[in-house]
Amino acid sequence: MKKFFLTVAAVCAAYGFASAQSIHLKVRGGTNVAFYQSDSPATEVGPRIGGHVGAELELGLTDNFSILGGVQYSQQGLKINGESSATDLNVEVAGMIASGDLDPSAFGPADPSNPAYPLLVAIQTGALPSVNVKTEGTQIRNYFNIPVLAQYKLPFGLRVLAGAQAGVLLSGKNDYKHTLEIYQGEEIIAAVANDETLNAMVAQLVASDPDLASDVDDVLSLYKEGGVVEKNKDIKDTTNEVDYSFVAGAGYEVGRFSIDARYTQSMQNLYKEDPDNEKTRNAYVQIGVSYKLF
């Protein structure tokens, strides 16, 4: 794909410069409505509203046909609107006891003097917490994009365009807020979160189940932070450095000004590795305004 894009771009640029009847330089900027296309689309996500700014060189080959080559800074990504992850620890622990992975007697006698007594009672009575972690935030990816487009001018100032684009990833991060919602067993969470002995016992309880351990760790961390934790994580290393896309759009031109709408769809997976073998691709709609400098 990389060789194909570079070959097509080089051929178009060489042909355009050799055959150009006119050359115009434009500055362009506007709004992005960015999202992802996925094999398993999430239901609680929305577009990230961002912007773009750059410049384009228009090489006129005939009165109606031209090639556009440009560079632009583009804000892309995704918005997370309250994605939830629910965990019923009673179900998890009951399964571990039934399979023999957990022996409650390991926590000592069912005696009020035992520091683990609240935890033992909760296990025996099914009063372990049922919790939900709600995630909100933005997945941010910013690119330096290089589009090469063919443009055809229609009557009345209208025009259509299509082509390809290479994007170089400049930055990527998750800017999320996690909020803890406790449906039952808040007193157990409080006891575990604020007692080192019980913390160690919970670690032992979940040692044979990494997934459960992760859930419990998240719950305890959230409780200690008052129910809300903000996380800012760099994700540039997990994202492909170069993104190849196709572009299509239409616009209107009057005098030195023009306005257009473009749809851009990536042709490759967003991530370097996807453990679920699913494809996630960049996509966005641009509304841009251009001004012809010459």
Protein backbone atom coordinates (compact mmCIF):
# COMPACT_ATOMS: atom_id res chain seq x y z
CA MET A 1 0.00 0.00 0.00
CA LYS A 2 2.84 2.35 0.88
CA LYS A 3 4.62 1.75 -2.44
CA PHE A 4 1.34 2.10 -4.34
CA PHE A 5 0.53 5.43 -2.70
CA LEU A 6 4.02 6.83 -3.20
CA THR A 7 4.07 5.72 -6.84
CA VAL A 8 0.67 7.25 -7.60
CA ALA A 9 1.55 10.48 -5.78
CA ALA A 10 4.88 10.80 -7.57
CA VAL A 11 3.33 10.15 -10.99
CA CYS A 12 0.52 12.65 -10.37
CA ALA A 13 2.93 15.31 -9.09
CA ALA A 14 5.37 14.85 -11.97
CA TYR A 15 2.61 14.86 -14.57
CA GLY A 16 0.93 17.85 -12.94
CA PHE A 17 4.03 20.03 -12.88
CA ALA A 18 5.01 19.02 -16.42
CA SER A 19 1.55 19.64 -17.85
CA ALA A 20 0.22 22.45 -15.67
CA GLN A 21 -1.44 25.30 -17.51
CA SER A 22 -1.92 27.19 -14.24
CA ILE A 23 -0.64 26.99 -10.66
CA HIS A 24 -2.51 28.34 -7.63
CA LEU A 25 -1.59 28.31 -3.94
CA LYS A 26 -4.37 28.13 -1.35
CA VAL A 27 -4.55 28.20 2.42
CA ARG A 28 -7.27 25.99 3.92
CA GLY A 29 -8.77 25.40 7.34
CA GLY A 30 -11.93 24.22 9.00
CA THR A 31 -13.63 21.62 11.17
CA ASN A 32 -13.15 17.85 11.54
CA VAL A 33 -15.84 15.42 12.71
CA ALA A 34 -13.66 12.39 13.46
CA PHE A 35 -14.58 8.83 14.43
CA TYR A 36 -13.51 5.20 13.86
CA GLN A 37 -14.83 2.48 11.58
CA SER A 38 -14.65 -0.90 13.33
CA ASP A 39 -15.60 -4.54 12.75
CA SER A 40 -17.25 -4.42 16.21
CA PRO A 41 -18.49 -0.86 16.65
CA ALA A 42 -19.09 0.31 20.22
CA THR A 43 -22.47 1.78 21.06
CA GLU A 44 -21.37 4.41 23.58
CA VAL A 45 -18.92 6.38 21.49
CA GLY A 46 -19.23 9.58 19.51
CA PRO A 47 -17.20 11.78 17.19
CA ARG A 48 -14.35 14.00 18.29
CA ILE A 49 -14.86 17.55 17.01
CA GLY A 50 -11.52 19.06 16.03
CA GLY A 51 -9.96 21.20 13.37
CA HIS A 52 -7.53 21.24 10.47
CA VAL A 53 -5.30 23.84 8.88
CA GLY A 54 -2.88 23.72 5.96
CA ALA A 55 -2.10 24.70 2.39
CA GLU A 56 -2.79 23.27 -1.07
CA LEU A 57 -1.18 23.69 -4.48
CA GLU A 58 -3.60 23.44 -7.40
CA LEU A 59 -2.09 22.42 -10.75
CA GLY A 60 -4.56 23.14 -13.56
CA LEU A 61 -4.19 20.62 -16.40
CA THR A 62 -7.22 21.78 -18.41
CA ASP A 63 -9.93 24.37 -17.88
CA ASN A 64 -11.90 21.85 -15.79
CA PHE A 65 -9.41 19.28 -14.50
CA SER A 66 -6.68 19.87 -11.91
CA ILE A 67 -4.53 18.11 -9.33
CA LEU A 68 -4.43 19.24 -5.70
CA GLY A 69 -1.44 18.48 -3.52
CA GLY A 70 -1.34 19.70 0.05
CA VAL A 71 -0.20 19.47 3.63
CA GLN A 72 -2.36 19.89 6.73
CA TYR A 73 -2.41 19.49 10.50
CA SER A 74 -5.48 17.45 11.43
CA GLN A 75 -7.10 16.66 14.81
CA GLN A 76 -8.68 13.20 14.81
CA GLY A 77 -9.80 10.54 17.30
CA LEU A 78 -12.93 9.53 19.16
CA LYS A 79 -15.18 10.53 22.07
CA ILE A 80 -16.18 8.04 24.79
CA ASN A 81 -19.68 8.84 26.09
CA GLY A 82 -20.18 6.86 29.29
CA GLU A 83 -18.92 3.41 28.39
CA SER A 84 -19.62 1.07 31.35
CA SER A 85 -17.85 -1.99 32.73
CA ALA A 86 -19.94 -3.84 35.34
CA THR A 87 -18.53 -6.43 37.77
CA ASP A 88 -20.47 -8.57 40.25
CA LEU A 89 -17.79 -9.87 42.59
CA ASN A 90 -20.26 -12.36 44.11
CA VAL A 91 -20.51 -14.19 40.79
CA GLU A 92 -16.75 -14.13 40.31
CA VAL A 93 -15.96 -15.41 43.82
CA ALA A 94 -18.68 -18.08 43.75
CA GLY A 95 -17.15 -19.45 40.56
CA MET A 96 -13.69 -19.53 42.14
CA ILE A 97 -14.99 -21.39 45.23
CA ALA A 98 -16.86 -23.91 43.07
CA SER A 99 -13.76 -24.60 40.97
CA GLY A 100 -11.53 -24.96 44.02
CA ASP A 101 -9.44 -21.88 43.16
CA LEU A 102 -10.51 -20.20 46.40
CA ASP A 103 -10.82 -21.66 49.93
CA PRO A 104 -12.50 -19.15 52.27
CA SER A 105 -10.96 -20.91 55.28
CA ALA A 106 -7.62 -19.50 54.17
CA PHE A 107 -8.75 -16.15 55.59
CA GLY A 108 -9.02 -17.53 59.13
CA PRO A 109 -11.93 -18.23 61.45
CA ALA A 110 -15.36 -16.65 61.09
CA ASP A 111 -14.83 -14.68 64.27
CA PRO A 112 -15.45 -10.95 64.76
CA SER A 113 -11.93 -10.61 66.13
CA ASN A 114 -10.53 -11.74 62.80
CA PRO A 115 -9.62 -8.68 60.65
CA ALA A 116 -10.91 -10.58 57.64
CA TYR A 117 -14.32 -11.16 59.28
CA PRO A 118 -16.20 -8.52 57.19
CA LEU A 119 -14.81 -10.05 54.05
CA LEU A 120 -15.72 -13.59 55.13
CA VAL A 121 -19.26 -12.57 55.98
CA ALA A 122 -19.59 -10.83 52.63
CA ILE A 123 -18.40 -13.97 50.83
CA GLN A 124 -20.76 -16.24 52.80
CA THR A 125 -23.81 -14.01 52.43
CA GLY A 126 -23.25 -12.89 48.86
CA ALA A 127 -22.76 -9.29 49.98
CA LEU A 128 -19.62 -8.57 47.99
CA PRO A 129 -19.88 -5.36 45.98
CA SER A 130 -21.66 -5.12 42.69
CA VAL A 131 -19.93 -2.22 40.99
CA ASN A 132 -19.87 -0.37 37.73
CA VAL A 133 -16.99 1.69 36.34
CA LYS A 134 -18.16 4.40 33.94
CA THR A 135 -15.62 5.78 31.48
CA GLU A 136 -15.85 9.15 29.74
CA GLY A 137 -13.25 11.01 27.75
CA THR A 138 -11.47 11.45 24.46
CA GLN A 139 -9.07 9.34 22.45
CA ILE A 140 -6.86 11.90 20.74
CA ARG A 141 -4.76 11.35 17.62
CA ASN A 142 -3.26 14.27 15.70
CA TYR A 143 -1.78 13.85 12.22
CA PHE A 144 0.27 15.67 9.60
CA ASN A 145 -1.62 14.74 6.42
CA ILE A 146 -0.45 14.88 2.80
CA PRO A 147 -3.39 14.58 0.36
CA VAL A 148 -3.03 14.18 -3.43
CA LEU A 149 -6.39 14.71 -5.12
CA ALA A 150 -7.89 14.97 -8.58
CA GLN A 151 -10.44 17.75 -9.01
CA TYR A 152 -13.04 18.29 -11.72
CA LYS A 153 -14.87 21.60 -12.05
CA LEU A 154 -18.58 21.53 -12.90
CA PRO A 155 -20.80 24.44 -14.01
CA PHE A 156 -21.91 27.15 -11.56
CA GLY A 157 -18.74 26.97 -9.44
CA LEU A 158 -19.32 23.39 -8.30
CA ARG A 159 -16.49 20.85 -8.17
CA VAL A 160 -15.90 17.23 -7.18
CA LEU A 161 -12.64 15.69 -6.01
CA ALA A 162 -11.16 12.32 -5.04
CA GLY A 163 -7.77 10.86 -4.30
CA ALA A 164 -5.46 9.41 -1.66
CA GLN A 165 -3.74 10.67 1.46
CA ALA A 166 -0.82 9.73 3.71
CA GLY A 167 -0.97 10.80 7.34
CA VAL A 168 1.97 10.88 9.76
CA LEU A 169 0.97 10.44 13.43
CA LEU A 170 2.20 13.38 15.52
CA SER A 171 0.66 12.52 18.90
CA GLY A 172 -1.77 10.10 20.51
CA LYS A 173 -3.24 9.82 23.99
CA ASN A 174 -6.25 8.66 25.99
CA ASP A 175 -7.71 11.42 28.14
CA TYR A 176 -10.25 9.53 30.26
CA LYS A 177 -12.21 9.94 33.49
CA HIS A 178 -13.30 6.78 35.35
CA THR A 179 -16.19 7.06 37.81
CA LEU A 180 -17.10 4.33 40.33
CA GLU A 181 -20.75 3.47 40.90
CA ILE A 182 -21.43 1.05 43.80
CA TYR A 183 -24.73 -0.82 43.76
CA GLN A 184 -24.24 -2.71 47.02
CA GLY A 185 -21.56 -3.53 49.56
CA GLU A 186 -20.13 -0.02 49.90
CA GLU A 187 -19.07 -0.75 53.47
CA ILE A 188 -17.02 -3.73 52.25
CA ILE A 189 -15.31 -1.55 49.65
CA ALA A 190 -14.59 1.01 52.38
CA ALA A 191 -13.10 -1.60 54.70
CA VAL A 192 -10.93 -3.15 52.00
CA ALA A 193 -9.81 0.15 50.52
CA ASN A 194 -8.62 1.60 53.82
CA ASP A 195 -7.07 -1.41 55.54
CA GLU A 196 -3.69 -2.79 54.48
CA THR A 197 -4.45 -6.26 55.91
CA LEU A 198 -7.66 -6.58 53.96
CA ASN A 199 -5.95 -5.20 50.87
CA ALA A 200 -3.45 -8.05 51.09
CA MET A 201 -6.25 -10.57 51.59
CA VAL A 202 -8.12 -9.32 48.54
CA ALA A 203 -4.90 -9.63 46.56
CA GLN A 204 -4.68 -13.25 47.70
CA LEU A 205 -8.35 -13.81 46.91
CA VAL A 206 -7.96 -12.74 43.30
CA ALA A 207 -4.41 -14.01 42.69
CA SER A 208 -5.60 -16.96 40.61
CA ASP A 209 -7.76 -14.78 38.36
CA PRO A 210 -5.89 -11.86 36.70
CA ASP A 211 -9.07 -10.45 35.19
CA LEU A 212 -10.78 -10.29 38.58
CA ALA A 213 -7.60 -8.89 40.13
CA SER A 214 -7.64 -6.07 37.61
CA ASP A 215 -11.30 -5.33 38.36
CA VAL A 216 -10.72 -5.25 42.12
CA ASP A 217 -7.63 -3.08 41.79
CA ASP A 218 -9.59 -0.60 39.68
CA VAL A 219 -12.43 -0.52 42.21
CA LEU A 220 -10.11 0.03 45.17
CA SER A 221 -8.17 2.74 43.36
CA LEU A 222 -11.38 4.51 42.46
CA TYR A 223 -12.71 4.31 45.99
CA LYS A 224 -9.52 5.72 47.48
CA GLU A 225 -9.68 8.63 45.04
CA GLY A 226 -13.23 9.50 46.03
CA GLY A 227 -14.88 7.59 43.20
CA VAL A 228 -13.26 9.46 40.31
CA VAL A 229 -9.90 8.90 38.65
CA GLU A 230 -8.58 10.83 35.66
CA LYS A 231 -6.05 9.09 33.46
CA ASN A 232 -3.91 10.52 30.68
CA LYS A 233 -2.12 7.74 28.80
CA ASP A 234 0.13 8.01 25.76
CA ILE A 235 -1.02 5.65 22.99
CA LYS A 236 1.31 6.72 20.20
CA ASP A 237 3.43 3.56 20.54
CA THR A 238 0.40 1.30 19.89
CA THR A 239 -0.70 3.19 16.75
CA ASN A 240 0.67 2.81 13.22
CA GLU A 241 2.92 5.77 12.50
CA VAL A 242 1.61 6.27 8.94
CA ASP A 243 -2.04 6.08 7.93
CA TYR A 244 -3.05 5.67 4.25
CA SER A 245 -6.54 6.80 3.29
CA PHE A 246 -8.83 7.57 0.36
CA VAL A 247 -10.58 10.93 0.10
CA ALA A 248 -13.73 12.01 -1.74
CA GLY A 249 -15.68 15.23 -1.63
CA ALA A 250 -17.42 18.13 -3.32
CA GLY A 251 -17.31 21.89 -3.07
CA TYR A 252 -18.25 25.31 -4.34
CA GLU A 253 -15.90 28.08 -5.52
CA VAL A 254 -16.55 31.78 -5.98
CA GLY A 255 -13.76 34.24 -6.68
CA ARG A 256 -10.76 33.53 -4.44
CA PHE A 257 -12.87 31.65 -1.88
CA SER A 258 -14.06 28.05 -1.89
CA ILE A 259 -15.80 25.77 0.57
CA ASP A 260 -15.88 21.99 0.43
CA ALA A 261 -16.86 18.87 2.34
CA ARG A 262 -14.55 15.84 2.28
CA TYR A 263 -14.90 12.30 3.63
CA THR A 264 -11.66 10.47 4.50
CA GLN A 265 -11.52 6.73 5.22
CA SER A 266 -8.38 4.87 6.25
CA MET A 267 -7.35 1.84 4.21
CA GLN A 268 -5.48 0.07 7.05
CA ASN A 269 -5.76 -0.92 10.67
CA LEU A 270 -5.28 1.89 13.17
CA TYR A 271 -3.35 -0.26 15.65
CA LYS A 272 0.00 -2.01 15.24
CA GLU A 273 -1.45 -5.08 16.94
CA ASP A 274 -5.08 -5.99 17.53
CA PRO A 275 -5.47 -8.97 19.91
CA ASP A 276 -9.04 -9.60 18.72
CA ASN A 277 -8.02 -9.62 15.03
CA GLU A 278 -10.50 -6.83 14.39
CA LYS A 279 -9.98 -3.89 12.09
CA THR A 280 -10.30 -0.35 13.42
CA ARG A 281 -9.82 2.45 10.91
CA ASN A 282 -9.65 6.23 11.05
CA ALA A 283 -12.51 8.10 9.40
CA TYR A 284 -13.64 11.70 9.45
CA VAL A 285 -15.65 14.37 7.67
CA GLN A 286 -14.02 17.74 6.95
CA ILE A 287 -15.73 21.03 6.27
CA GLY A 288 -13.07 23.41 4.97
CA VAL A 289 -12.76 26.94 3.62
CA SER A 290 -9.95 27.87 1.23
CA TYR A 291 -8.52 31.19 0.12
CA LYS A 292 -6.53 31.48 -3.11
CA LEU A 293 -3.33 33.46 -2.56
CA PHE A 294 -2.38 33.45 -6.26
